[in-house]
Amino acid sequence: MSATALPQPRGIAWPGRSSYVSLAMLLPGLAFLFAFLVLPSLVLLANGFMTQHQTGEVAPPFTLANFDRLLFSPAYQRTLLLTLKVAFVTSFVTVVLAYPLAMAIAYAKPWFSRLVMVLVVAPLVVSVLVRSYGWQLLLGNSRTGVLNWLLEAVGFGVTPVKIMFTEWAVVVASVHVFLPLMVLPLATSLTRINPAVIEAARMLGAAPWRAFLRVTLPLSIPGLTAGISVVFSLTAASYITPAMLGGTRGAMLGNLLEQQVTTAYDWAMGGAIAFVMVAIALGANIGATWLIEYRQRARLRASGAR
């Protein structure tokens, strides 16, 4: 009997069969995402390029007037710039705080590393709403706030510190909310660095801070950029924290979007705000990806030159 006449063993998939099965398994999830996420998002974004008529209908003619108001009107422009400022400051502070925690997770003794990991991850099990209520109690502008009570108890509370309902209250709470999302990718990158490289730098006479700047920091760029892109994007899109802690002086784009849609019923302006928020998130992620790829190409060129 020729080899071609032999029967096919059972259990062996024909060429292409596994890909069809995988596609069939993906279809329900893809259909759900398209129907309830992609399509509504596209409709909302398209509203930003349309006109809000007196009847309340959002329809052509197409226009850029909504973006003109958002980008150049002083009131809307202030909110946009405040959003970028809070996102940038929050990202910077989380980086400063995250590196020591990530290095403790990556390099400390196992028991201490696990303890730090638990302390970093524990806030994630608490709702952002609950944490915002907690920060209201801590940062209260009167002497009933825990911070002002402590300052008064130690003799520094002559006049209450007024942090609540400002952009700085939003920054403090956002750092607390998003710090784990910076620590975890940084710790992952640090664990992939060969400790012998850092030890070699120290043995060659580099001070600890110089070894960190010249060795640890460049090699942890992938985790750093991933953490910054996530923290920056989520902070810029925040709604609950600015609404509860920012007040009128700390309102961000998420709060402005909610006001335009639910209070002013201006879906065209809401679409323009949503479009800008998506552009900010995409810009942060594309920038982080480009930086990682640029670093990789630079390292390949450097290794090729040697």
C-alpha atoms as a PDB file:
ATOM      1  CA  MET A   1       0.000   0.000   0.000  1.00  0.00           C
ATOM      2  CA  SER A   2       1.392   3.379  -0.943  1.00  0.00           C
ATOM      3  CA  ALA A   3       2.078   6.022   1.634  1.00  0.00           C
ATOM      4  CA  THR A   4      -0.600   8.267   0.153  1.00  0.00           C
ATOM      5  CA  ALA A   5      -3.257   5.617   0.761  1.00  0.00           C
ATOM      6  CA  LEU A   6      -2.581   5.398   4.503  1.00  0.00           C
ATOM      7  CA  PRO A   7      -5.472   6.718   6.606  1.00  0.00           C
ATOM      8  CA  GLN A   8      -4.921   9.913   8.570  1.00  0.00           C
ATOM      9  CA  PRO A   9      -4.475   9.327  12.320  1.00  0.00           C
ATOM     10  CA  ARG A  10      -7.259  10.670  14.465  1.00  0.00           C
ATOM     11  CA  GLY A  11      -6.617  13.836  16.472  1.00  0.00           C
ATOM     12  CA  ILE A  12      -4.381  15.485  13.871  1.00  0.00           C
ATOM     13  CA  ALA A  13      -5.918  18.734  12.598  1.00  0.00           C
ATOM     14  CA  TRP A  14      -5.987  19.409   8.883  1.00  0.00           C
ATOM     15  CA  PRO A  15      -4.011  22.453   7.691  1.00  0.00           C
ATOM     16  CA  GLY A  16      -5.899  25.634   8.494  1.00  0.00           C
ATOM     17  CA  ARG A  17      -8.460  23.954  10.722  1.00  0.00           C
ATOM     18  CA  SER A  18      -7.005  25.323  13.970  1.00  0.00           C
ATOM     19  CA  SER A  19      -7.048  28.870  12.637  1.00  0.00           C
ATOM     20  CA  TYR A  20     -10.734  28.554  11.706  1.00  0.00           C
ATOM     21  CA  VAL A  21     -11.559  27.229  15.172  1.00  0.00           C
ATOM     22  CA  SER A  22      -9.646  30.064  16.811  1.00  0.00           C
ATOM     23  CA  LEU A  23     -11.431  32.627  14.647  1.00  0.00           C
ATOM     24  CA  ALA A  24     -14.810  31.089  15.504  1.00  0.00           C
ATOM     25  CA  MET A  25     -13.997  31.307  19.206  1.00  0.00           C
ATOM     26  CA  LEU A  26     -12.967  34.947  18.835  1.00  0.00           C
ATOM     27  CA  LEU A  27     -16.059  36.058  16.932  1.00  0.00           C
ATOM     28  CA  PRO A  28     -18.462  36.371  19.919  1.00  0.00           C
ATOM     29  CA  GLY A  29     -16.000  38.470  21.901  1.00  0.00           C
ATOM     30  CA  LEU A  30     -15.095  40.607  18.911  1.00  0.00           C
ATOM     31  CA  ALA A  31     -18.762  41.144  18.075  1.00  0.00           C
ATOM     32  CA  PHE A  32     -19.489  42.211  21.662  1.00  0.00           C
ATOM     33  CA  LEU A  33     -16.575  44.665  21.712  1.00  0.00           C
ATOM     34  CA  PHE A  34     -17.540  46.124  18.351  1.00  0.00           C
ATOM     35  CA  ALA A  35     -21.223  46.523  19.256  1.00  0.00           C
ATOM     36  CA  PHE A  36     -20.801  47.938  22.756  1.00  0.00           C
ATOM     37  CA  LEU A  37     -17.376  49.643  22.667  1.00  0.00           C
ATOM     38  CA  VAL A  38     -16.065  50.419  19.190  1.00  0.00           C
ATOM     39  CA  LEU A  39     -19.331  51.484  17.547  1.00  0.00           C
ATOM     40  CA  PRO A  40     -20.553  53.788  20.372  1.00  0.00           C
ATOM     41  CA  SER A  41     -17.076  55.304  20.628  1.00  0.00           C
ATOM     42  CA  LEU A  42     -16.988  56.010  16.898  1.00  0.00           C
ATOM     43  CA  VAL A  43     -20.436  57.623  17.058  1.00  0.00           C
ATOM     44  CA  LEU A  44     -19.377  59.823  19.982  1.00  0.00           C
ATOM     45  CA  LEU A  45     -16.133  60.823  18.270  1.00  0.00           C
ATOM     46  CA  ALA A  46     -17.989  61.581  15.037  1.00  0.00           C
ATOM     47  CA  ASN A  47     -20.295  63.934  16.972  1.00  0.00           C
ATOM     48  CA  GLY A  48     -17.309  66.184  17.582  1.00  0.00           C
ATOM     49  CA  PHE A  49     -17.179  67.019  13.877  1.00  0.00           C
ATOM     50  CA  MET A  50     -20.909  67.774  13.575  1.00  0.00           C
ATOM     51  CA  THR A  51     -23.221  70.639  14.491  1.00  0.00           C
ATOM     52  CA  GLN A  52     -25.576  70.754  17.462  1.00  0.00           C
ATOM     53  CA  HIS A  53     -28.845  72.156  16.097  1.00  0.00           C
ATOM     54  CA  GLN A  54     -31.454  74.053  18.106  1.00  0.00           C
ATOM     55  CA  THR A  55     -33.660  70.979  18.113  1.00  0.00           C
ATOM     56  CA  GLY A  56     -30.924  69.096  19.958  1.00  0.00           C
ATOM     57  CA  GLU A  57     -30.083  66.929  16.975  1.00  0.00           C
ATOM     58  CA  VAL A  58     -26.385  66.376  16.189  1.00  0.00           C
ATOM     59  CA  ALA A  59     -26.054  66.239  12.419  1.00  0.00           C
ATOM     60  CA  PRO A  60     -24.184  67.749   9.456  1.00  0.00           C
ATOM     61  CA  PRO A  61     -22.893  70.185   8.350  1.00  0.00           C
ATOM     62  CA  PHE A  62     -19.490  69.038   9.456  1.00  0.00           C
ATOM     63  CA  THR A  63     -17.447  71.622  11.325  1.00  0.00           C
ATOM     64  CA  LEU A  64     -14.323  72.148  13.412  1.00  0.00           C
ATOM     65  CA  ALA A  65     -15.984  74.792  15.584  1.00  0.00           C
ATOM     66  CA  ASN A  66     -16.172  72.438  18.568  1.00  0.00           C
ATOM     67  CA  PHE A  67     -12.422  71.862  18.496  1.00  0.00           C
ATOM     68  CA  ASP A  68     -11.854  75.582  18.036  1.00  0.00           C
ATOM     69  CA  ARG A  69     -13.818  76.260  21.232  1.00  0.00           C
ATOM     70  CA  LEU A  70     -12.012  73.533  23.141  1.00  0.00           C
ATOM     71  CA  LEU A  71      -8.500  74.531  22.085  1.00  0.00           C
ATOM     72  CA  PHE A  72      -8.762  78.311  21.977  1.00  0.00           C
ATOM     73  CA  SER A  73     -11.601  79.371  24.273  1.00  0.00           C
ATOM     74  CA  PRO A  74      -9.981  80.506  27.594  1.00  0.00           C
ATOM     75  CA  ALA A  75     -12.310  78.472  29.839  1.00  0.00           C
ATOM     76  CA  TYR A  76     -11.956  75.212  27.906  1.00  0.00           C
ATOM     77  CA  GLN A  77      -8.270  75.810  27.234  1.00  0.00           C
ATOM     78  CA  ARG A  78      -7.601  76.159  30.957  1.00  0.00           C
ATOM     79  CA  THR A  79      -9.233  72.778  31.615  1.00  0.00           C
ATOM     80  CA  LEU A  80      -7.214  71.136  28.827  1.00  0.00           C
ATOM     81  CA  LEU A  81      -3.920  72.580  30.081  1.00  0.00           C
ATOM     82  CA  LEU A  82      -4.782  71.665  33.668  1.00  0.00           C
ATOM     83  CA  THR A  83      -5.452  68.081  32.589  1.00  0.00           C
ATOM     84  CA  LEU A  84      -2.049  67.838  30.888  1.00  0.00           C
ATOM     85  CA  LYS A  85      -0.346  69.480  33.876  1.00  0.00           C
ATOM     86  CA  VAL A  86      -1.910  67.130  36.426  1.00  0.00           C
ATOM     87  CA  ALA A  87      -1.114  64.092  34.266  1.00  0.00           C
ATOM     88  CA  PHE A  88       2.507  65.202  33.822  1.00  0.00           C
ATOM     89  CA  VAL A  89       3.090  66.020  37.507  1.00  0.00           C
ATOM     90  CA  THR A  90       1.423  62.784  38.606  1.00  0.00           C
ATOM     91  CA  SER A  91       3.597  60.762  36.223  1.00  0.00           C
ATOM     92  CA  PHE A  92       6.773  62.497  37.447  1.00  0.00           C
ATOM     93  CA  VAL A  93       5.974  62.001  41.141  1.00  0.00           C
ATOM     94  CA  THR A  94       5.043  58.357  40.629  1.00  0.00           C
ATOM     95  CA  VAL A  95       8.356  57.737  38.863  1.00  0.00           C
ATOM     96  CA  VAL A  96      10.294  59.266  41.775  1.00  0.00           C
ATOM     97  CA  LEU A  97       8.366  57.181  44.314  1.00  0.00           C
ATOM     98  CA  ALA A  98       8.193  54.004  42.246  1.00  0.00           C
ATOM     99  CA  TYR A  99      11.906  53.397  41.672  1.00  0.00           C
ATOM    100  CA  PRO A 100      12.815  52.743  45.337  1.00  0.00           C
ATOM    101  CA  LEU A 101       9.784  50.471  45.741  1.00  0.00           C
ATOM    102  CA  ALA A 102      10.525  48.616  42.506  1.00  0.00           C
ATOM    103  CA  MET A 103      14.180  48.172  43.468  1.00  0.00           C
ATOM    104  CA  ALA A 104      13.123  46.793  46.848  1.00  0.00           C
ATOM    105  CA  ILE A 105      10.854  44.289  45.100  1.00  0.00           C
ATOM    106  CA  ALA A 106      13.572  43.298  42.622  1.00  0.00           C
ATOM    107  CA  TYR A 107      16.692  43.245  44.806  1.00  0.00           C
ATOM    108  CA  ALA A 108      15.701  42.951  48.471  1.00  0.00           C
ATOM    109  CA  LYS A 109      15.528  39.762  50.504  1.00  0.00           C
ATOM    110  CA  PRO A 110      12.558  37.541  49.604  1.00  0.00           C
ATOM    111  CA  TRP A 111      10.522  38.256  52.749  1.00  0.00           C
ATOM    112  CA  PHE A 112      10.983  42.022  52.416  1.00  0.00           C
ATOM    113  CA  SER A 113      10.312  41.911  48.675  1.00  0.00           C
ATOM    114  CA  ARG A 114       7.015  40.080  49.256  1.00  0.00           C
ATOM    115  CA  LEU A 115       6.062  42.557  51.988  1.00  0.00           C
ATOM    116  CA  VAL A 116       6.670  45.541  49.709  1.00  0.00           C
ATOM    117  CA  MET A 117       4.747  43.851  46.899  1.00  0.00           C
ATOM    118  CA  VAL A 118       1.748  43.299  49.187  1.00  0.00           C
ATOM    119  CA  LEU A 119       1.844  46.933  50.351  1.00  0.00           C
ATOM    120  CA  VAL A 120       2.035  48.180  46.765  1.00  0.00           C
ATOM    121  CA  VAL A 121      -0.745  45.953  45.425  1.00  0.00           C
ATOM    122  CA  ALA A 122      -3.072  46.195  48.449  1.00  0.00           C
ATOM    123  CA  PRO A 123      -4.609  49.590  47.480  1.00  0.00           C
ATOM    124  CA  LEU A 124      -5.785  48.081  44.184  1.00  0.00           C
ATOM    125  CA  VAL A 125      -8.419  46.032  46.030  1.00  0.00           C
ATOM    126  CA  VAL A 126     -10.016  49.241  47.380  1.00  0.00           C
ATOM    127  CA  SER A 127     -12.369  51.228  45.149  1.00  0.00           C
ATOM    128  CA  VAL A 128     -11.163  54.573  43.808  1.00  0.00           C
ATOM    129  CA  LEU A 129     -14.358  56.064  45.227  1.00  0.00           C
ATOM    130  CA  VAL A 130     -13.519  54.854  48.737  1.00  0.00           C
ATOM    131  CA  ARG A 131      -9.948  56.121  48.461  1.00  0.00           C
ATOM    132  CA  SER A 132     -11.194  59.519  47.308  1.00  0.00           C
ATOM    133  CA  TYR A 133     -13.459  59.739  50.357  1.00  0.00           C
ATOM    134  CA  GLY A 134     -10.422  58.904  52.494  1.00  0.00           C
ATOM    135  CA  TRP A 135      -8.406  61.715  50.941  1.00  0.00           C
ATOM    136  CA  GLN A 136     -11.290  64.098  51.599  1.00  0.00           C
ATOM    137  CA  LEU A 137     -10.950  63.301  55.298  1.00  0.00           C
ATOM    138  CA  LEU A 138      -7.168  63.650  55.210  1.00  0.00           C
ATOM    139  CA  LEU A 139      -6.950  66.872  53.197  1.00  0.00           C
ATOM    140  CA  GLY A 140      -9.960  68.749  54.573  1.00  0.00           C
ATOM    141  CA  ASN A 141      -9.390  72.512  54.494  1.00  0.00           C
ATOM    142  CA  SER A 142     -10.702  73.087  58.019  1.00  0.00           C
ATOM    143  CA  ARG A 143      -9.182  71.869  61.274  1.00  0.00           C
ATOM    144  CA  THR A 144     -11.368  68.769  61.049  1.00  0.00           C
ATOM    145  CA  GLY A 145      -9.075  67.527  58.254  1.00  0.00           C
ATOM    146  CA  VAL A 146      -6.473  65.067  59.509  1.00  0.00           C
ATOM    147  CA  LEU A 147      -3.567  66.986  57.931  1.00  0.00           C
ATOM    148  CA  ASN A 148      -4.568  70.311  59.454  1.00  0.00           C
ATOM    149  CA  TRP A 149      -5.296  68.629  62.797  1.00  0.00           C
ATOM    150  CA  LEU A 150      -1.794  67.139  62.862  1.00  0.00           C
ATOM    151  CA  LEU A 151      -0.172  70.459  61.900  1.00  0.00           C
ATOM    152  CA  GLU A 152      -2.071  72.214  64.649  1.00  0.00           C
ATOM    153  CA  ALA A 153      -1.141  69.498  67.156  1.00  0.00           C
ATOM    154  CA  VAL A 154       2.600  69.930  66.491  1.00  0.00           C
ATOM    155  CA  GLY A 155       2.397  73.723  66.479  1.00  0.00           C
ATOM    156  CA  PHE A 156       2.516  74.467  62.728  1.00  0.00           C
ATOM    157  CA  GLY A 157      -1.208  74.904  62.146  1.00  0.00           C
ATOM    158  CA  VAL A 158      -1.616  78.658  62.661  1.00  0.00           C
ATOM    159  CA  THR A 159      -3.820  78.866  59.560  1.00  0.00           C
ATOM    160  CA  PRO A 160      -5.390  75.794  57.946  1.00  0.00           C
ATOM    161  CA  VAL A 161      -3.643  74.473  54.839  1.00  0.00           C
ATOM    162  CA  LYS A 162      -6.123  74.630  51.975  1.00  0.00           C
ATOM    163  CA  ILE A 163      -5.331  71.747  49.627  1.00  0.00           C
ATOM    164  CA  MET A 164      -8.820  70.365  49.102  1.00  0.00           C
ATOM    165  CA  PHE A 165     -10.610  71.429  45.931  1.00  0.00           C
ATOM    166  CA  THR A 166      -7.375  72.341  44.158  1.00  0.00           C
ATOM    167  CA  GLU A 167      -5.328  70.644  41.468  1.00  0.00           C
ATOM    168  CA  TRP A 168      -2.778  69.539  44.080  1.00  0.00           C
ATOM    169  CA  ALA A 169      -5.363  67.454  45.901  1.00  0.00           C
ATOM    170  CA  VAL A 170      -6.019  65.720  42.577  1.00  0.00           C
ATOM    171  CA  VAL A 171      -2.288  65.111  42.114  1.00  0.00           C
ATOM    172  CA  VAL A 172      -1.864  63.637  45.605  1.00  0.00           C
ATOM    173  CA  ALA A 173      -4.821  61.277  45.225  1.00  0.00           C
ATOM    174  CA  SER A 174      -3.856  60.328  41.644  1.00  0.00           C
ATOM    175  CA  VAL A 175      -0.345  59.391  42.775  1.00  0.00           C
ATOM    176  CA  HIS A 176      -1.868  57.143  45.416  1.00  0.00           C
ATOM    177  CA  VAL A 177      -4.252  55.552  42.911  1.00  0.00           C
ATOM    178  CA  PHE A 178      -1.798  54.978  40.064  1.00  0.00           C
ATOM    179  CA  LEU A 179       1.483  54.325  41.904  1.00  0.00           C
ATOM    180  CA  PRO A 180       1.087  50.500  41.706  1.00  0.00           C
ATOM    181  CA  LEU A 181       0.716  50.760  37.925  1.00  0.00           C
ATOM    182  CA  MET A 182       4.152  52.387  37.795  1.00  0.00           C
ATOM    183  CA  VAL A 183       5.847  50.095  40.307  1.00  0.00           C
ATOM    184  CA  LEU A 184       4.847  46.788  38.715  1.00  0.00           C
ATOM    185  CA  PRO A 185       6.295  47.330  35.194  1.00  0.00           C
ATOM    186  CA  LEU A 186       9.409  48.917  36.701  1.00  0.00           C
ATOM    187  CA  ALA A 187       9.936  45.934  39.008  1.00  0.00           C
ATOM    188  CA  THR A 188       9.544  43.596  36.044  1.00  0.00           C
ATOM    189  CA  SER A 189      12.223  45.468  34.082  1.00  0.00           C
ATOM    190  CA  LEU A 190      14.585  45.596  37.051  1.00  0.00           C
ATOM    191  CA  THR A 191      14.352  41.845  37.644  1.00  0.00           C
ATOM    192  CA  ARG A 192      15.552  41.298  34.059  1.00  0.00           C
ATOM    193  CA  ILE A 193      18.742  43.293  34.651  1.00  0.00           C
ATOM    194  CA  ASN A 194      21.744  41.123  35.411  1.00  0.00           C
ATOM    195  CA  PRO A 195      22.956  42.131  38.911  1.00  0.00           C
ATOM    196  CA  ALA A 196      26.532  41.479  37.765  1.00  0.00           C
ATOM    197  CA  VAL A 197      26.308  44.528  35.477  1.00  0.00           C
ATOM    198  CA  ILE A 198      25.504  46.811  38.402  1.00  0.00           C
ATOM    199  CA  GLU A 199      28.150  45.168  40.583  1.00  0.00           C
ATOM    200  CA  ALA A 200      30.730  45.682  37.829  1.00  0.00           C
ATOM    201  CA  ALA A 201      29.903  49.385  37.704  1.00  0.00           C
ATOM    202  CA  ARG A 202      30.302  49.658  41.476  1.00  0.00           C
ATOM    203  CA  MET A 203      33.603  47.744  41.410  1.00  0.00           C
ATOM    204  CA  LEU A 204      34.909  50.136  38.760  1.00  0.00           C
ATOM    205  CA  GLY A 205      34.389  53.022  41.169  1.00  0.00           C
ATOM    206  CA  ALA A 206      30.942  54.327  40.238  1.00  0.00           C
ATOM    207  CA  ALA A 207      29.009  55.841  43.102  1.00  0.00           C
ATOM    208  CA  PRO A 208      25.552  54.360  43.796  1.00  0.00           C
ATOM    209  CA  TRP A 209      23.772  57.307  42.177  1.00  0.00           C
ATOM    210  CA  ARG A 210      26.062  57.175  39.136  1.00  0.00           C
ATOM    211  CA  ALA A 211      25.548  53.418  38.752  1.00  0.00           C
ATOM    212  CA  PHE A 212      21.816  54.021  38.876  1.00  0.00           C
ATOM    213  CA  LEU A 213      21.901  56.790  36.248  1.00  0.00           C
ATOM    214  CA  ARG A 214      24.352  55.065  33.895  1.00  0.00           C
ATOM    215  CA  VAL A 215      23.292  51.415  34.263  1.00  0.00           C
ATOM    216  CA  THR A 216      19.986  50.806  36.061  1.00  0.00           C
ATOM    217  CA  LEU A 217      17.994  53.671  34.566  1.00  0.00           C
ATOM    218  CA  PRO A 218      18.863  53.021  30.883  1.00  0.00           C
ATOM    219  CA  LEU A 219      18.240  49.272  31.204  1.00  0.00           C
ATOM    220  CA  SER A 220      14.854  49.841  32.867  1.00  0.00           C
ATOM    221  CA  ILE A 221      13.566  52.171  30.123  1.00  0.00           C
ATOM    222  CA  PRO A 222      11.004  49.622  28.794  1.00  0.00           C
ATOM    223  CA  GLY A 223       9.266  49.352  32.161  1.00  0.00           C
ATOM    224  CA  LEU A 224       9.581  53.084  32.766  1.00  0.00           C
ATOM    225  CA  THR A 225       7.967  54.053  29.471  1.00  0.00           C
ATOM    226  CA  ALA A 226       5.197  51.490  29.907  1.00  0.00           C
ATOM    227  CA  GLY A 227       4.438  52.795  33.382  1.00  0.00           C
ATOM    228  CA  ILE A 228       4.495  56.444  32.297  1.00  0.00           C
ATOM    229  CA  SER A 229       2.169  55.808  29.347  1.00  0.00           C
ATOM    230  CA  VAL A 230      -0.360  53.998  31.564  1.00  0.00           C
ATOM    231  CA  VAL A 231      -0.228  56.520  34.427  1.00  0.00           C
ATOM    232  CA  PHE A 232      -0.327  59.546  32.113  1.00  0.00           C
ATOM    233  CA  SER A 233      -3.251  58.185  30.075  1.00  0.00           C
ATOM    234  CA  LEU A 234      -5.340  57.123  33.062  1.00  0.00           C
ATOM    235  CA  THR A 235      -4.681  60.342  34.961  1.00  0.00           C
ATOM    236  CA  ALA A 236      -5.676  62.463  31.965  1.00  0.00           C
ATOM    237  CA  ALA A 237      -8.901  60.454  31.679  1.00  0.00           C
ATOM    238  CA  SER A 238      -9.749  60.560  35.404  1.00  0.00           C
ATOM    239  CA  TYR A 239     -13.246  61.511  36.467  1.00  0.00           C
ATOM    240  CA  ILE A 240     -13.996  60.418  40.056  1.00  0.00           C
ATOM    241  CA  THR A 241     -10.862  61.803  41.705  1.00  0.00           C
ATOM    242  CA  PRO A 242     -11.063  65.304  40.150  1.00  0.00           C
ATOM    243  CA  ALA A 243     -14.824  65.437  40.781  1.00  0.00           C
ATOM    244  CA  MET A 244     -14.462  64.643  44.480  1.00  0.00           C
ATOM    245  CA  LEU A 245     -11.188  66.394  45.307  1.00  0.00           C
ATOM    246  CA  GLY A 246     -10.645  69.028  42.624  1.00  0.00           C
ATOM    247  CA  GLY A 247     -13.826  71.070  42.831  1.00  0.00           C
ATOM    248  CA  THR A 248     -14.171  73.859  40.287  1.00  0.00           C
ATOM    249  CA  ARG A 249     -10.447  74.659  40.373  1.00  0.00           C
ATOM    250  CA  GLY A 250      -9.360  71.081  39.764  1.00  0.00           C
ATOM    251  CA  ALA A 251     -11.871  69.991  37.126  1.00  0.00           C
ATOM    252  CA  MET A 252     -10.342  68.024  34.253  1.00  0.00           C
ATOM    253  CA  LEU A 253     -11.452  66.903  30.797  1.00  0.00           C
ATOM    254  CA  GLY A 254     -13.444  63.962  32.156  1.00  0.00           C
ATOM    255  CA  ASN A 255     -15.511  66.297  34.323  1.00  0.00           C
ATOM    256  CA  LEU A 256     -15.935  68.727  31.437  1.00  0.00           C
ATOM    257  CA  LEU A 257     -17.161  65.886  29.204  1.00  0.00           C
ATOM    258  CA  GLU A 258     -19.723  64.826  31.819  1.00  0.00           C
ATOM    259  CA  GLN A 259     -20.977  68.406  32.174  1.00  0.00           C
ATOM    260  CA  GLN A 260     -21.363  68.895  28.433  1.00  0.00           C
ATOM    261  CA  VAL A 261     -23.284  65.635  27.950  1.00  0.00           C
ATOM    262  CA  THR A 262     -25.477  65.446  31.069  1.00  0.00           C
ATOM    263  CA  THR A 263     -25.963  69.136  31.938  1.00  0.00           C
ATOM    264  CA  ALA A 264     -25.604  71.161  28.741  1.00  0.00           C
ATOM    265  CA  TYR A 265     -26.755  68.289  26.463  1.00  0.00           C
ATOM    266  CA  ASP A 266     -24.106  69.413  23.976  1.00  0.00           C
ATOM    267  CA  TRP A 267     -23.181  66.091  22.410  1.00  0.00           C
ATOM    268  CA  ALA A 268     -21.143  67.773  19.686  1.00  0.00           C
ATOM    269  CA  MET A 269     -18.863  69.420  22.226  1.00  0.00           C
ATOM    270  CA  GLY A 270     -18.784  66.201  24.226  1.00  0.00           C
ATOM    271  CA  GLY A 271     -17.618  64.358  21.118  1.00  0.00           C
ATOM    272  CA  ALA A 272     -14.821  66.894  20.595  1.00  0.00           C
ATOM    273  CA  ILE A 273     -13.670  66.497  24.216  1.00  0.00           C
ATOM    274  CA  ALA A 274     -13.777  62.704  23.892  1.00  0.00           C
ATOM    275  CA  PHE A 275     -11.738  62.914  20.683  1.00  0.00           C
ATOM    276  CA  VAL A 276      -9.057  65.000  22.424  1.00  0.00           C
ATOM    277  CA  MET A 277      -8.966  62.598  25.390  1.00  0.00           C
ATOM    278  CA  VAL A 278      -8.476  59.647  23.051  1.00  0.00           C
ATOM    279  CA  ALA A 279      -5.765  61.583  21.199  1.00  0.00           C
ATOM    280  CA  ILE A 280      -3.938  62.247  24.486  1.00  0.00           C
ATOM    281  CA  ALA A 281      -4.055  58.553  25.446  1.00  0.00           C
ATOM    282  CA  LEU A 282      -2.920  57.410  21.990  1.00  0.00           C
ATOM    283  CA  GLY A 283      -0.173  60.037  21.926  1.00  0.00           C
ATOM    284  CA  ALA A 284       1.188  58.836  25.282  1.00  0.00           C
ATOM    285  CA  ASN A 285       1.176  55.189  24.197  1.00  0.00           C
ATOM    286  CA  ILE A 286       2.642  55.878  20.737  1.00  0.00           C
ATOM    287  CA  GLY A 287       5.338  58.061  22.283  1.00  0.00           C
ATOM    288  CA  ALA A 288       6.247  55.334  24.785  1.00  0.00           C
ATOM    289  CA  THR A 289       6.389  52.700  22.043  1.00  0.00           C
ATOM    290  CA  TRP A 290       8.556  54.925  19.868  1.00  0.00           C
ATOM    291  CA  LEU A 291      10.944  55.566  22.757  1.00  0.00           C
ATOM    292  CA  ILE A 292      11.347  51.845  23.454  1.00  0.00           C
ATOM    293  CA  GLU A 293      11.993  51.075  19.786  1.00  0.00           C
ATOM    294  CA  TYR A 294      14.418  54.013  19.534  1.00  0.00           C
ATOM    295  CA  ARG A 295      16.381  52.736  22.531  1.00  0.00           C
ATOM    296  CA  GLN A 296      16.505  49.242  21.051  1.00  0.00           C
ATOM    297  CA  ARG A 297      17.757  50.551  17.698  1.00  0.00           C
ATOM    298  CA  ALA A 298      20.365  52.691  19.457  1.00  0.00           C
ATOM    299  CA  ARG A 299      21.621  49.684  21.427  1.00  0.00           C
ATOM    300  CA  LEU A 300      21.799  47.577  18.260  1.00  0.00           C
ATOM    301  CA  ARG A 301      23.777  50.300  16.479  1.00  0.00           C
ATOM    302  CA  ALA A 302      26.116  50.628  19.453  1.00  0.00           C
ATOM    303  CA  SER A 303      26.702  46.867  19.629  1.00  0.00           C
ATOM    304  CA  GLY A 304      27.253  46.734  15.851  1.00  0.00           C
ATOM    305  CA  ALA A 305      29.794  49.551  16.016  1.00  0.00           C
ATOM    306  CA  ARG A 306      31.759  47.633  18.615  1.00  0.00           C
END
